[in-house]
Amino acid sequence: EWAERGESLLPPNTIPVRMSVESSGRRIEIEGLSA
């Protein structure tokens, strides 16, 4: 949780997953792999 605070320490195969609450429910975003 709050991985952006230590982003420089994350390995290259990190898969960012962002979750947020929207008025109609929740949103989940999964980015592609960097390696």
PDB file of all heavy atoms in Angstrom:
ATOM      1  N   GLU A   1       0.857  -1.182   0.000  1.00  0.00           N
ATOM      2  CA  GLU A   1       0.000   0.000   0.000  1.00  0.00           C
ATOM      3  C   GLU A   1       0.893   1.232   0.000  1.00  0.00           C
ATOM      4  O   GLU A   1       1.920   1.260   0.669  1.00  0.00           O
ATOM      5  CB  GLU A   1      -0.891  -0.012   1.242  1.00  0.00           C
ATOM      6  CG  GLU A   1      -1.913   1.083   1.249  1.00  0.00           C
ATOM      7  CD  GLU A   1      -2.869   0.979   2.434  1.00  0.00           C
ATOM      8  OE1 GLU A   1      -2.640   0.156   3.338  1.00  0.00           O
ATOM      9  OE2 GLU A   1      -3.844   1.733   2.446  1.00  0.00           O
ATOM     10  N   TRP A   2       0.550   2.231  -0.752  1.00  0.00           N
ATOM     11  CA  TRP A   2       1.314   3.472  -0.884  1.00  0.00           C
ATOM     12  C   TRP A   2       2.694   3.204  -1.473  1.00  0.00           C
ATOM     13  O   TRP A   2       3.696   3.806  -1.080  1.00  0.00           O
ATOM     14  CB  TRP A   2       1.442   4.204   0.456  1.00  0.00           C
ATOM     15  CG  TRP A   2       0.143   4.529   1.096  1.00  0.00           C
ATOM     16  CD1 TRP A   2      -0.434   3.867   2.138  1.00  0.00           C
ATOM     17  CD2 TRP A   2      -0.777   5.570   0.742  1.00  0.00           C
ATOM     18  NE1 TRP A   2      -1.645   4.435   2.453  1.00  0.00           N
ATOM     19  CE2 TRP A   2      -1.879   5.493   1.603  1.00  0.00           C
ATOM     20  CE3 TRP A   2      -0.768   6.563  -0.235  1.00  0.00           C
ATOM     21  CZ2 TRP A   2      -2.957   6.356   1.523  1.00  0.00           C
ATOM     22  CZ3 TRP A   2      -1.843   7.424  -0.302  1.00  0.00           C
ATOM     23  CH2 TRP A   2      -2.914   7.319   0.570  1.00  0.00           C
ATOM     24  N   ALA A   3       2.781   2.306  -2.435  1.00  0.00           N
ATOM     25  CA  ALA A   3       4.077   1.913  -3.016  1.00  0.00           C
ATOM     26  C   ALA A   3       4.799   3.069  -3.688  1.00  0.00           C
ATOM     27  O   ALA A   3       6.028   3.055  -3.796  1.00  0.00           O
ATOM     28  CB  ALA A   3       3.863   0.792  -4.026  1.00  0.00           C
ATOM     29  N   GLU A   4       4.070   4.095  -4.120  1.00  0.00           N
ATOM     30  CA  GLU A   4       4.735   5.226  -4.783  1.00  0.00           C
ATOM     31  C   GLU A   4       5.712   5.933  -3.856  1.00  0.00           C
ATOM     32  O   GLU A   4       6.612   6.629  -4.299  1.00  0.00           O
ATOM     33  CB  GLU A   4       3.707   6.219  -5.346  1.00  0.00           C
ATOM     34  CG  GLU A   4       2.856   6.912  -4.323  1.00  0.00           C
ATOM     35  CD  GLU A   4       1.597   6.141  -3.945  1.00  0.00           C
ATOM     36  OE1 GLU A   4       1.394   5.010  -4.397  1.00  0.00           O
ATOM     37  OE2 GLU A   4       0.799   6.677  -3.164  1.00  0.00           O
ATOM     38  N   ARG A   5       5.576   5.715  -2.563  1.00  0.00           N
ATOM     39  CA  ARG A   5       6.500   6.346  -1.617  1.00  0.00           C
ATOM     40  C   ARG A   5       7.890   5.717  -1.661  1.00  0.00           C
ATOM     41  O   ARG A   5       8.860   6.326  -1.225  1.00  0.00           O
ATOM     42  CB  ARG A   5       5.936   6.267  -0.209  1.00  0.00           C
ATOM     43  CG  ARG A   5       4.688   7.089  -0.048  1.00  0.00           C
ATOM     44  CD  ARG A   5       4.191   7.020   1.353  1.00  0.00           C
ATOM     45  NE  ARG A   5       3.007   7.854   1.515  1.00  0.00           N
ATOM     46  CZ  ARG A   5       2.405   8.051   2.668  1.00  0.00           C
ATOM     47  NH1 ARG A   5       2.877   7.471   3.756  1.00  0.00           N
ATOM     48  NH2 ARG A   5       1.349   8.821   2.735  1.00  0.00           N
ATOM     49  N   GLY A   6       7.985   4.494  -2.148  1.00  0.00           N
ATOM     50  CA  GLY A   6       9.283   3.836  -2.265  1.00  0.00           C
ATOM     51  C   GLY A   6       9.490   3.283  -3.663  1.00  0.00           C
ATOM     52  O   GLY A   6      10.147   2.274  -3.844  1.00  0.00           O
ATOM     53  N   GLU A   7       8.928   3.968  -4.642  1.00  0.00           N
ATOM     54  CA  GLU A   7       8.932   3.483  -6.018  1.00  0.00           C
ATOM     55  C   GLU A   7      10.338   3.186  -6.550  1.00  0.00           C
ATOM     56  O   GLU A   7      10.535   2.245  -7.313  1.00  0.00           O
ATOM     57  CB  GLU A   7       8.232   4.491  -6.918  1.00  0.00           C
ATOM     58  CG  GLU A   7       7.820   3.947  -8.236  1.00  0.00           C
ATOM     59  CD  GLU A   7       6.822   4.845  -8.950  1.00  0.00           C
ATOM     60  OE1 GLU A   7       6.495   5.933  -8.458  1.00  0.00           O
ATOM     61  OE2 GLU A   7       6.378   4.438 -10.027  1.00  0.00           O
ATOM     62  N   SER A   8      11.318   3.943  -6.128  1.00  0.00           N
ATOM     63  CA  SER A   8      12.683   3.734  -6.628  1.00  0.00           C
ATOM     64  C   SER A   8      13.261   2.391  -6.178  1.00  0.00           C
ATOM     65  O   SER A   8      14.227   1.914  -6.757  1.00  0.00           O
ATOM     66  CB  SER A   8      13.594   4.871  -6.177  1.00  0.00           C
ATOM     67  OG  SER A   8      13.709   4.869  -4.765  1.00  0.00           O
ATOM     68  N   LEU A   9      12.676   1.772  -5.160  1.00  0.00           N
ATOM     69  CA  LEU A   9      13.163   0.489  -4.658  1.00  0.00           C
ATOM     70  C   LEU A   9      12.471  -0.708  -5.297  1.00  0.00           C
ATOM     71  O   LEU A   9      12.888  -1.842  -5.097  1.00  0.00           O
ATOM     72  CB  LEU A   9      12.955   0.412  -3.137  1.00  0.00           C
ATOM     73  CG  LEU A   9      13.676   1.468  -2.308  1.00  0.00           C
ATOM     74  CD1 LEU A   9      13.243   1.367  -0.855  1.00  0.00           C
ATOM     75  CD2 LEU A   9      15.169   1.299  -2.431  1.00  0.00           C
ATOM     76  N   LEU A  10      11.421  -0.474  -6.071  1.00  0.00           N
ATOM     77  CA  LEU A  10      10.647  -1.579  -6.635  1.00  0.00           C
ATOM     78  C   LEU A  10      11.398  -2.230  -7.793  1.00  0.00           C
ATOM     79  O   LEU A  10      12.053  -1.554  -8.578  1.00  0.00           O
ATOM     80  CB  LEU A  10       9.285  -1.076  -7.103  1.00  0.00           C
ATOM     81  CG  LEU A  10       8.406  -0.482  -6.010  1.00  0.00           C
ATOM     82  CD1 LEU A  10       7.099   0.035  -6.605  1.00  0.00           C
ATOM     83  CD2 LEU A  10       8.134  -1.487  -4.908  1.00  0.00           C
ATOM     84  N   PRO A  11      11.291  -3.561  -7.916  1.00  0.00           N
ATOM     85  CA  PRO A  11      12.001  -4.262  -8.996  1.00  0.00           C
ATOM     86  C   PRO A  11      11.384  -3.959 -10.362  1.00  0.00           C
ATOM     87  O   PRO A  11      10.238  -3.513 -10.458  1.00  0.00           O
ATOM     88  CB  PRO A  11      11.829  -5.739  -8.627  1.00  0.00           C
ATOM     89  CG  PRO A  11      10.639  -5.792  -7.749  1.00  0.00           C
ATOM     90  CD  PRO A  11      10.559  -4.469  -7.041  1.00  0.00           C
ATOM     91  N   PRO A  12      12.128  -4.231 -11.442  1.00  0.00           N
ATOM     92  CA  PRO A  12      11.642  -3.926 -12.789  1.00  0.00           C
ATOM     93  C   PRO A  12      10.395  -4.705 -13.196  1.00  0.00           C
ATOM     94  O   PRO A  12       9.648  -4.265 -14.055  1.00  0.00           O
ATOM     95  CB  PRO A  12      12.800  -4.276 -13.706  1.00  0.00           C
ATOM     96  CG  PRO A  12      13.868  -4.821 -12.865  1.00  0.00           C
ATOM     97  CD  PRO A  12      13.479  -4.754 -11.433  1.00  0.00           C
ATOM     98  N   ASN A  13      10.142  -5.866 -12.593  1.00  0.00           N
ATOM     99  CA  ASN A  13       8.967  -6.647 -12.968  1.00  0.00           C
ATOM    100  C   ASN A  13       7.739  -6.320 -12.114  1.00  0.00           C
ATOM    101  O   ASN A  13       6.810  -7.108 -12.015  1.00  0.00           O
ATOM    102  CB  ASN A  13       9.273  -8.143 -12.925  1.00  0.00           C
ATOM    103  CG  ASN A  13       9.653  -8.626 -11.545  1.00  0.00           C
ATOM    104  OD1 ASN A  13       9.901  -7.835 -10.645  1.00  0.00           O
ATOM    105  ND2 ASN A  13       9.725  -9.923 -11.374  1.00  0.00           N
ATOM    106  N   THR A  14       7.720  -5.138 -11.524  1.00  0.00           N
ATOM    107  CA  THR A  14       6.581  -4.692 -10.725  1.00  0.00           C
ATOM    108  C   THR A  14       5.360  -4.494 -11.619  1.00  0.00           C
ATOM    109  O   THR A  14       5.466  -3.940 -12.709  1.00  0.00           O
ATOM    110  CB  THR A  14       6.931  -3.364 -10.019  1.00  0.00           C
ATOM    111  OG1 THR A  14       8.006  -3.607  -9.113  1.00  0.00           O
ATOM    112  CG2 THR A  14       5.754  -2.795  -9.259  1.00  0.00           C
ATOM    113  N   ILE A  15       4.212  -4.958 -11.154  1.00  0.00           N
ATOM    114  CA  ILE A  15       2.947  -4.752 -11.864  1.00  0.00           C
ATOM    115  C   ILE A  15       2.124  -3.779 -11.023  1.00  0.00           C
ATOM    116  O   ILE A  15       1.556  -4.161 -10.003  1.00  0.00           O
ATOM    117  CB  ILE A  15       2.176  -6.072 -12.049  1.00  0.00           C
ATOM    118  CG1 ILE A  15       3.028  -7.071 -12.822  1.00  0.00           C
ATOM    119  CG2 ILE A  15       0.848  -5.815 -12.751  1.00  0.00           C
ATOM    120  CD1 ILE A  15       2.438  -8.463 -12.896  1.00  0.00           C
ATOM    121  N   PRO A  16       2.072  -2.504 -11.424  1.00  0.00           N
ATOM    122  CA  PRO A  16       1.300  -1.532 -10.645  1.00  0.00           C
ATOM    123  C   PRO A  16      -0.211  -1.813 -10.740  1.00  0.00           C
ATOM    124  O   PRO A  16      -0.748  -2.010 -11.826  1.00  0.00           O
ATOM    125  CB  PRO A  16       1.626  -0.191 -11.300  1.00  0.00           C
ATOM    126  CG  PRO A  16       2.885  -0.423 -12.069  1.00  0.00           C
ATOM    127  CD  PRO A  16       2.833  -1.857 -12.489  1.00  0.00           C
ATOM    128  N   VAL A  17      -0.866  -1.846  -9.589  1.00  0.00           N
ATOM    129  CA  VAL A  17      -2.317  -1.997  -9.500  1.00  0.00           C
ATOM    130  C   VAL A  17      -2.825  -0.805  -8.689  1.00  0.00           C
ATOM    131  O   VAL A  17      -2.400  -0.600  -7.554  1.00  0.00           O
ATOM    132  CB  VAL A  17      -2.709  -3.320  -8.804  1.00  0.00           C
ATOM    133  CG1 VAL A  17      -4.217  -3.426  -8.652  1.00  0.00           C
ATOM    134  CG2 VAL A  17      -2.150  -4.508  -9.568  1.00  0.00           C
ATOM    135  N   ARG A  18      -3.694  -0.019  -9.286  1.00  0.00           N
ATOM    136  CA  ARG A  18      -4.243   1.153  -8.599  1.00  0.00           C
ATOM    137  C   ARG A  18      -5.739   0.954  -8.394  1.00  0.00           C
ATOM    138  O   ARG A  18      -6.446   0.588  -9.328  1.00  0.00           O
ATOM    139  CB  ARG A  18      -3.973   2.400  -9.414  1.00  0.00           C
ATOM    140  CG  ARG A  18      -2.504   2.759  -9.410  1.00  0.00           C
ATOM    141  CD  ARG A  18      -2.192   4.017 -10.201  1.00  0.00           C
ATOM    142  NE  ARG A  18      -0.789   4.345 -10.122  1.00  0.00           N
ATOM    143  CZ  ARG A  18       0.170   3.710 -10.776  1.00  0.00           C
ATOM    144  NH1 ARG A  18      -0.119   2.699 -11.549  1.00  0.00           N
ATOM    145  NH2 ARG A  18       1.429   4.069 -10.649  1.00  0.00           N
ATOM    146  N   MET A  19      -6.175   1.185  -7.172  1.00  0.00           N
ATOM    147  CA  MET A  19      -7.597   1.049  -6.847  1.00  0.00           C
ATOM    148  C   MET A  19      -8.120   2.389  -6.369  1.00  0.00           C
ATOM    149  O   MET A  19      -7.438   3.107  -5.633  1.00  0.00           O
ATOM    150  CB  MET A  19      -7.778  -0.014  -5.774  1.00  0.00           C
ATOM    151  CG  MET A  19      -7.364  -1.393  -6.248  1.00  0.00           C
ATOM    152  SD  MET A  19      -7.553  -2.655  -5.000  1.00  0.00           S
ATOM    153  CE  MET A  19      -5.970  -2.503  -4.174  1.00  0.00           C
ATOM    154  N   SER A  20      -9.316   2.729  -6.793  1.00  0.00           N
ATOM    155  CA  SER A  20      -9.930   3.979  -6.357  1.00  0.00           C
ATOM    156  C   SER A  20     -11.443   3.781  -6.235  1.00  0.00           C
ATOM    157  O   SER A  20     -12.014   2.865  -6.822  1.00  0.00           O
ATOM    158  CB  SER A  20      -9.617   5.109  -7.339  1.00  0.00           C
ATOM    159  OG  SER A  20     -10.081   4.778  -8.631  1.00  0.00           O
ATOM    160  N   VAL A  21     -12.047   4.642  -5.455  1.00  0.00           N
ATOM    161  CA  VAL A  21     -13.496   4.622  -5.271  1.00  0.00           C
ATOM    162  C   VAL A  21     -14.088   5.695  -6.165  1.00  0.00           C
ATOM    163  O   VAL A  21     -13.618   6.831  -6.175  1.00  0.00           O
ATOM    164  CB  VAL A  21     -13.869   4.884  -3.795  1.00  0.00           C
ATOM    165  CG1 VAL A  21     -15.377   4.930  -3.624  1.00  0.00           C
ATOM    166  CG2 VAL A  21     -13.252   3.825  -2.899  1.00  0.00           C
ATOM    167  N   GLU A  22     -15.085   5.310  -6.939  1.00  0.00           N
ATOM    168  CA  GLU A  22     -15.792   6.258  -7.795  1.00  0.00           C
ATOM    169  C   GLU A  22     -17.246   6.273  -7.374  1.00  0.00           C
ATOM    170  O   GLU A  22     -17.707   5.395  -6.647  1.00  0.00           O
ATOM    171  CB  GLU A  22     -15.640   5.855  -9.262  1.00  0.00           C
ATOM    172  CG  GLU A  22     -14.196   5.935  -9.728  1.00  0.00           C
ATOM    173  CD  GLU A  22     -14.053   5.741 -11.223  1.00  0.00           C
ATOM    174  OE1 GLU A  22     -15.061   5.411 -11.886  1.00  0.00           O
ATOM    175  OE2 GLU A  22     -12.942   5.925 -11.720  1.00  0.00           O
ATOM    176  N   SER A  23     -17.972   7.242  -7.837  1.00  0.00           N
ATOM    177  CA  SER A  23     -19.360   7.392  -7.416  1.00  0.00           C
ATOM    178  C   SER A  23     -20.197   6.149  -7.705  1.00  0.00           C
ATOM    179  O   SER A  23     -21.104   5.807  -6.949  1.00  0.00           O
ATOM    180  CB  SER A  23     -19.989   8.617  -8.084  1.00  0.00           C
ATOM    181  OG  SER A  23     -19.943   8.479  -9.489  1.00  0.00           O
ATOM    182  N   SER A  24     -19.892   5.441  -8.789  1.00  0.00           N
ATOM    183  CA  SER A  24     -20.677   4.267  -9.156  1.00  0.00           C
ATOM    184  C   SER A  24     -20.089   2.959  -8.625  1.00  0.00           C
ATOM    185  O   SER A  24     -20.618   1.893  -8.888  1.00  0.00           O
ATOM    186  CB  SER A  24     -20.796   4.188 -10.682  1.00  0.00           C
ATOM    187  OG  SER A  24     -19.508   4.077 -11.254  1.00  0.00           O
ATOM    188  N   GLY A  25     -18.993   3.017  -7.922  1.00  0.00           N
ATOM    189  CA  GLY A  25     -18.355   1.806  -7.398  1.00  0.00           C
ATOM    190  C   GLY A  25     -16.864   1.990  -7.252  1.00  0.00           C
ATOM    191  O   GLY A  25     -16.404   3.046  -6.844  1.00  0.00           O
ATOM    192  N   ARG A  26     -16.136   0.970  -7.632  1.00  0.00           N
ATOM    193  CA  ARG A  26     -14.675   1.011  -7.515  1.00  0.00           C
ATOM    194  C   ARG A  26     -14.034   0.829  -8.881  1.00  0.00           C
ATOM    195  O   ARG A  26     -14.583   0.194  -9.759  1.00  0.00           O
ATOM    196  CB  ARG A  26     -14.205  -0.083  -6.562  1.00  0.00           C
ATOM    197  CG  ARG A  26     -14.593   0.229  -5.134  1.00  0.00           C
ATOM    198  CD  ARG A  26     -14.181  -0.888  -4.205  1.00  0.00           C
ATOM    199  NE  ARG A  26     -14.371  -0.539  -2.826  1.00  0.00           N
ATOM    200  CZ  ARG A  26     -15.529  -0.469  -2.202  1.00  0.00           C
ATOM    201  NH1 ARG A  26     -16.645  -0.693  -2.870  1.00  0.00           N
ATOM    202  NH2 ARG A  26     -15.603  -0.158  -0.931  1.00  0.00           N
ATOM    203  N   ARG A  27     -12.829   1.345  -9.008  1.00  0.00           N
ATOM    204  CA  ARG A  27     -12.077   1.231 -10.258  1.00  0.00           C
ATOM    205  C   ARG A  27     -10.738   0.581  -9.936  1.00  0.00           C
ATOM    206  O   ARG A  27     -10.071   0.949  -8.967  1.00  0.00           O
ATOM    207  CB  ARG A  27     -11.860   2.613 -10.857  1.00  0.00           C
ATOM    208  CG  ARG A  27     -11.047   2.621 -12.124  1.00  0.00           C
ATOM    209  CD  ARG A  27     -10.851   4.060 -12.595  1.00  0.00           C
ATOM    210  NE  ARG A  27     -10.099   4.097 -13.804  1.00  0.00           N
ATOM    211  CZ  ARG A  27     -10.625   4.170 -15.020  1.00  0.00           C
ATOM    212  NH1 ARG A  27     -11.931   4.240 -15.160  1.00  0.00           N
ATOM    213  NH2 ARG A  27      -9.859   4.192 -16.082  1.00  0.00           N
ATOM    214  N   ILE A  28     -10.338  -0.386 -10.748  1.00  0.00           N
ATOM    215  CA  ILE A  28      -9.046  -1.053 -10.593  1.00  0.00           C
ATOM    216  C   ILE A  28      -8.306  -0.924 -11.915  1.00  0.00           C
ATOM    217  O   ILE A  28      -8.836  -1.280 -12.968  1.00  0.00           O
ATOM    218  CB  ILE A  28      -9.210  -2.534 -10.223  1.00  0.00           C
ATOM    219  CG1 ILE A  28      -9.941  -2.663  -8.886  1.00  0.00           C
ATOM    220  CG2 ILE A  28      -7.848  -3.224 -10.170  1.00  0.00           C
ATOM    221  CD1 ILE A  28     -10.258  -4.077  -8.502  1.00  0.00           C
ATOM    222  N   GLU A  29      -7.095  -0.391 -11.861  1.00  0.00           N
ATOM    223  CA  GLU A  29      -6.256  -0.243 -13.050  1.00  0.00           C
ATOM    224  C   GLU A  29      -5.009  -1.100 -12.857  1.00  0.00           C
ATOM    225  O   GLU A  29      -4.338  -0.995 -11.839  1.00  0.00           O
ATOM    226  CB  GLU A  29      -5.838   1.208 -13.237  1.00  0.00           C
ATOM    227  CG  GLU A  29      -6.995   2.153 -13.495  1.00  0.00           C
ATOM    228  CD  GLU A  29      -6.525   3.594 -13.572  1.00  0.00           C
ATOM    229  OE1 GLU A  29      -5.650   3.879 -14.404  1.00  0.00           O
ATOM    230  OE2 GLU A  29      -7.033   4.403 -12.783  1.00  0.00           O
ATOM    231  N   ILE A  30      -4.711  -1.934 -13.849  1.00  0.00           N
ATOM    232  CA  ILE A  30      -3.522  -2.785 -13.813  1.00  0.00           C
ATOM    233  C   ILE A  30      -2.676  -2.424 -15.018  1.00  0.00           C
ATOM    234  O   ILE A  30      -3.128  -2.521 -16.158  1.00  0.00           O
ATOM    235  CB  ILE A  30      -3.899  -4.276 -13.860  1.00  0.00           C
ATOM    236  CG1 ILE A  30      -4.838  -4.610 -12.695  1.00  0.00           C
ATOM    237  CG2 ILE A  30      -2.648  -5.140 -13.833  1.00  0.00           C
ATOM    238  CD1 ILE A  30      -5.427  -5.990 -12.755  1.00  0.00           C
ATOM    239  N   GLU A  31      -1.459  -1.986 -14.766  1.00  0.00           N
ATOM    240  CA  GLU A  31      -0.554  -1.608 -15.857  1.00  0.00           C
ATOM    241  C   GLU A  31       0.180  -2.831 -16.383  1.00  0.00           C
ATOM    242  O   GLU A  31       0.339  -3.825 -15.673  1.00  0.00           O
ATOM    243  CB  GLU A  31       0.475  -0.590 -15.369  1.00  0.00           C
ATOM    244  CG  GLU A  31      -0.111   0.765 -15.091  1.00  0.00           C
ATOM    245  CD  GLU A  31       0.952   1.778 -14.710  1.00  0.00           C
ATOM    246  OE1 GLU A  31       2.132   1.568 -15.072  1.00  0.00           O
ATOM    247  OE2 GLU A  31       0.608   2.749 -14.048  1.00  0.00           O
ATOM    248  N   GLY A  32       0.655  -2.725 -17.613  1.00  0.00           N
ATOM    249  CA  GLY A  32       1.441  -3.801 -18.200  1.00  0.00           C
ATOM    250  C   GLY A  32       2.805  -3.898 -17.556  1.00  0.00           C
ATOM    251  O   GLY A  32       3.223  -3.024 -16.795  1.00  0.00           O
ATOM    252  N   LEU A  33       3.496  -4.946 -17.864  1.00  0.00           N
ATOM    253  CA  LEU A  33       4.823  -5.179 -17.306  1.00  0.00           C
ATOM    254  C   LEU A  33       5.851  -4.295 -17.997  1.00  0.00           C
ATOM    255  O   LEU A  33       5.774  -4.064 -19.202  1.00  0.00           O
ATOM    256  CB  LEU A  33       5.234  -6.637 -17.496  1.00  0.00           C
ATOM    257  CG  LEU A  33       4.393  -7.655 -16.741  1.00  0.00           C
ATOM    258  CD1 LEU A  33       4.811  -9.056 -17.159  1.00  0.00           C
ATOM    259  CD2 LEU A  33       4.575  -7.477 -15.256  1.00  0.00           C
ATOM    260  N   SER A  34       6.830  -3.857 -17.236  1.00  0.00           N
ATOM    261  CA  SER A  34       7.926  -3.105 -17.822  1.00  0.00           C
ATOM    262  C   SER A  34       9.021  -4.053 -18.316  1.00  0.00           C
ATOM    263  O   SER A  34       9.862  -3.675 -19.104  1.00  0.00           O
ATOM    264  CB  SER A  34       8.497  -2.118 -16.808  1.00  0.00           C
ATOM    265  OG  SER A  34       8.944  -2.811 -15.672  1.00  0.00           O
ATOM    266  N   ALA A  35       8.996  -5.282 -17.845  1.00  0.00           N
ATOM    267  CA  ALA A  35       9.946  -6.303 -18.293  1.00  0.00           C
ATOM    268  C   ALA A  35       9.233  -7.655 -18.253  1.00  0.00           C
ATOM    269  O   ALA A  35       8.359  -7.864 -17.431  1.00  0.00           O
ATOM    270  CB  ALA A  35      11.152  -6.328 -17.345  1.00  0.00           C
TER     271      ALA A  35
END
